[in-house]
């Protein structure tokens, strides 16, 4: 395994296989990842605040103890997605019923 330690120089990695890599106590802020396979990767104690995640496949991913304040999710495939064990589709259906009941009460 090649080790890089105690450096502040920008690192550019292209056309490489770096499976089983370990990054510990590394500041990767303002980095860019394009066409990267991070499947079966574990993230712990990660700061992704103000990150932009686009054209990503996070199917079957698990998020635990995550601060999702002010997160904006758009144009997302959410089939089977659960929040605290509740299907998102069920949450939307319940919300739709509440909205419809409010409209009926207002009439």
C-alpha atoms as a PDB file:
ATOM      1  CA  UNK A   1       0.000   0.000   0.000  1.00  0.00           C
ATOM      2  CA  UNK A   2       1.341   3.416  -0.952  1.00  0.00           C
ATOM      3  CA  UNK A   3       1.164   5.937   1.899  1.00  0.00           C
ATOM      4  CA  UNK A   4       0.733   9.682   1.609  1.00  0.00           C
ATOM      5  CA  UNK A   5       1.081  11.512   4.919  1.00  0.00           C
ATOM      6  CA  UNK A   6       1.513  15.038   6.228  1.00  0.00           C
ATOM      7  CA  UNK A   7       1.155  16.744   2.857  1.00  0.00           C
ATOM      8  CA  UNK A   8      -0.766  19.812   1.742  1.00  0.00           C
ATOM      9  CA  UNK A   9      -0.072  19.408  -1.968  1.00  0.00           C
ATOM     10  CA  UNK A  10      -3.086  18.896  -4.254  1.00  0.00           C
ATOM     11  CA  UNK A  11      -3.500  15.267  -5.254  1.00  0.00           C
ATOM     12  CA  UNK A  12      -4.749  14.279  -8.708  1.00  0.00           C
ATOM     13  CA  UNK A  13      -5.688  10.637  -9.242  1.00  0.00           C
ATOM     14  CA  UNK A  14      -6.901   9.511 -12.685  1.00  0.00           C
ATOM     15  CA  UNK A  15      -7.580   6.145 -14.322  1.00  0.00           C
ATOM     16  CA  UNK A  16      -6.636   4.349 -11.112  1.00  0.00           C
ATOM     17  CA  UNK A  17      -7.901   1.507  -8.984  1.00  0.00           C
ATOM     18  CA  UNK A  18      -7.613   2.390  -5.318  1.00  0.00           C
ATOM     19  CA  UNK A  19      -9.926  -0.208  -3.800  1.00  0.00           C
ATOM     20  CA  UNK A  20      -9.622  -0.826  -0.051  1.00  0.00           C
ATOM     21  CA  UNK A  21      -8.111   2.643   0.441  1.00  0.00           C
ATOM     22  CA  UNK A  22      -8.258   4.198   3.907  1.00  0.00           C
ATOM     23  CA  UNK A  23      -8.613   7.948   4.448  1.00  0.00           C
ATOM     24  CA  UNK A  24      -8.369   8.956   8.108  1.00  0.00           C
ATOM     25  CA  UNK A  25      -8.331  12.534   9.411  1.00  0.00           C
ATOM     26  CA  UNK A  26      -8.059  13.907   5.867  1.00  0.00           C
ATOM     27  CA  UNK A  27      -9.332  17.310   4.751  1.00  0.00           C
ATOM     28  CA  UNK A  28     -10.751  16.797   1.270  1.00  0.00           C
ATOM     29  CA  UNK A  29     -12.798  20.001   1.196  1.00  0.00           C
ATOM     30  CA  UNK A  30     -13.294  21.640  -2.180  1.00  0.00           C
ATOM     31  CA  UNK A  31     -12.454  18.338  -3.907  1.00  0.00           C
ATOM     32  CA  UNK A  32     -14.205  17.015  -6.981  1.00  0.00           C
ATOM     33  CA  UNK A  33     -15.135  13.412  -7.683  1.00  0.00           C
ATOM     34  CA  UNK A  34     -16.277  12.585 -11.221  1.00  0.00           C
ATOM     35  CA  UNK A  35     -17.027   9.125 -12.596  1.00  0.00           C
ATOM     36  CA  UNK A  36     -16.076   7.504  -9.287  1.00  0.00           C
ATOM     37  CA  UNK A  37     -17.306   4.135  -7.999  1.00  0.00           C
ATOM     38  CA  UNK A  38     -17.833   4.360  -4.226  1.00  0.00           C
ATOM     39  CA  UNK A  39     -20.101   1.316  -3.943  1.00  0.00           C
ATOM     40  CA  UNK A  40     -19.808  -0.653  -0.694  1.00  0.00           C
ATOM     41  CA  UNK A  41     -17.884   2.266   0.817  1.00  0.00           C
ATOM     42  CA  UNK A  42     -18.357   3.250   4.452  1.00  0.00           C
ATOM     43  CA  UNK A  43     -18.412   6.885   5.499  1.00  0.00           C
ATOM     44  CA  UNK A  44     -18.167   7.728   9.204  1.00  0.00           C
ATOM     45  CA  UNK A  45     -17.950  11.144  10.850  1.00  0.00           C
ATOM     46  CA  UNK A  46     -18.046  12.815   7.424  1.00  0.00           C
ATOM     47  CA  UNK A  47     -18.825  16.477   6.821  1.00  0.00           C
ATOM     48  CA  UNK A  48     -20.724  16.859   3.543  1.00  0.00           C
ATOM     49  CA  UNK A  49     -22.241  20.252   4.386  1.00  0.00           C
ATOM     50  CA  UNK A  50     -22.743  22.404   1.300  1.00  0.00           C
ATOM     51  CA  UNK A  51     -21.814  19.437  -0.919  1.00  0.00           C
ATOM     52  CA  UNK A  52     -23.510  19.002  -4.280  1.00  0.00           C
ATOM     53  CA  UNK A  53     -24.375  15.419  -5.177  1.00  0.00           C
ATOM     54  CA  UNK A  54     -25.631  15.042  -8.733  1.00  0.00           C
ATOM     55  CA  UNK A  55     -26.334  12.084 -10.998  1.00  0.00           C
ATOM     56  CA  UNK A  56     -25.615   9.710  -8.117  1.00  0.00           C
ATOM     57  CA  UNK A  57     -26.835   6.188  -7.431  1.00  0.00           C
ATOM     58  CA  UNK A  58     -27.426   5.838  -3.696  1.00  0.00           C
ATOM     59  CA  UNK A  59     -29.821   2.893  -3.991  1.00  0.00           C
ATOM     60  CA  UNK A  60     -29.740   0.572  -0.970  1.00  0.00           C
ATOM     61  CA  UNK A  61     -27.683   3.139   0.966  1.00  0.00           C
ATOM     62  CA  UNK A  62     -28.273   3.581   4.682  1.00  0.00           C
ATOM     63  CA  UNK A  63     -28.099   6.938   6.437  1.00  0.00           C
ATOM     64  CA  UNK A  64     -27.991   6.860  10.266  1.00  0.00           C
ATOM     65  CA  UNK A  65     -27.497   9.717  12.720  1.00  0.00           C
ATOM     66  CA  UNK A  66     -27.460  12.137   9.788  1.00  0.00           C
ATOM     67  CA  UNK A  67     -28.101  15.878   9.978  1.00  0.00           C
ATOM     68  CA  UNK A  68     -30.229  16.554   6.924  1.00  0.00           C
ATOM     69  CA  UNK A  69     -31.229  20.109   7.843  1.00  0.00           C
ATOM     70  CA  UNK A  70     -32.048  22.216   4.788  1.00  0.00           C
ATOM     71  CA  UNK A  71     -31.359  19.319   2.388  1.00  0.00           C
ATOM     72  CA  UNK A  72     -32.990  19.765  -1.014  1.00  0.00           C
ATOM     73  CA  UNK A  73     -33.865  16.578  -2.897  1.00  0.00           C
ATOM     74  CA  UNK A  74     -35.195  17.036  -6.415  1.00  0.00           C
ATOM     75  CA  UNK A  75     -35.711  14.833  -9.468  1.00  0.00           C
ATOM     76  CA  UNK A  76     -35.052  11.794  -7.286  1.00  0.00           C
ATOM     77  CA  UNK A  77     -36.213   8.207  -7.722  1.00  0.00           C
ATOM     78  CA  UNK A  78     -37.717   7.469  -4.293  1.00  0.00           C
ATOM     79  CA  UNK A  79     -39.426   4.076  -4.775  1.00  0.00           C
ATOM     80  CA  UNK A  80     -38.942   2.091  -1.563  1.00  0.00           C
ATOM     81  CA  UNK A  81     -37.307   5.029   0.260  1.00  0.00           C
ATOM     82  CA  UNK A  82     -37.993   5.072   3.990  1.00  0.00           C
ATOM     83  CA  UNK A  83     -37.598   7.792   6.591  1.00  0.00           C
ATOM     84  CA  UNK A  84     -37.532   6.460  10.143  1.00  0.00           C
ATOM     85  CA  UNK A  85     -39.012   3.204   8.851  1.00  0.00           C
ATOM     86  CA  UNK A  86     -41.947   4.833   7.037  1.00  0.00           C
ATOM     87  CA  UNK A  87     -42.214   4.594   3.265  1.00  0.00           C
ATOM     88  CA  UNK A  88     -41.918   8.008   1.679  1.00  0.00           C
ATOM     89  CA  UNK A  89     -44.819   7.155  -0.628  1.00  0.00           C
ATOM     90  CA  UNK A  90     -46.994   6.556   2.474  1.00  0.00           C
ATOM     91  CA  UNK A  91     -45.898   9.909   3.930  1.00  0.00           C
ATOM     92  CA  UNK A  92     -46.838  11.685   0.691  1.00  0.00           C
ATOM     93  CA  UNK A  93     -50.199   9.889   0.589  1.00  0.00           C
ATOM     94  CA  UNK A  94     -50.970  10.917   4.178  1.00  0.00           C
ATOM     95  CA  UNK A  95     -49.897  14.491   3.438  1.00  0.00           C
ATOM     96  CA  UNK A  96     -52.174  14.536   0.386  1.00  0.00           C
ATOM     97  CA  UNK A  97     -55.114  13.435   2.543  1.00  0.00           C
ATOM     98  CA  UNK A  98     -54.405  16.182   5.080  1.00  0.00           C
ATOM     99  CA  UNK A  99     -54.263  18.774   2.300  1.00  0.00           C
ATOM    100  CA  UNK A 100     -57.522  17.468   0.790  1.00  0.00           C
ATOM    101  CA  UNK A 101     -59.239  17.515   4.196  1.00  0.00           C
ATOM    102  CA  UNK A 102     -58.099  21.098   4.742  1.00  0.00           C
ATOM    103  CA  UNK A 103     -59.445  22.166   1.366  1.00  0.00           C
ATOM    104  CA  UNK A 104     -62.785  20.489   2.126  1.00  0.00           C
ATOM    105  CA  UNK A 105     -62.975  22.188   5.550  1.00  0.00           C
ATOM    106  CA  UNK A 106     -62.220  25.582   3.984  1.00  0.00           C
ATOM    107  CA  UNK A 107     -65.158  25.285   1.567  1.00  0.00           C
END
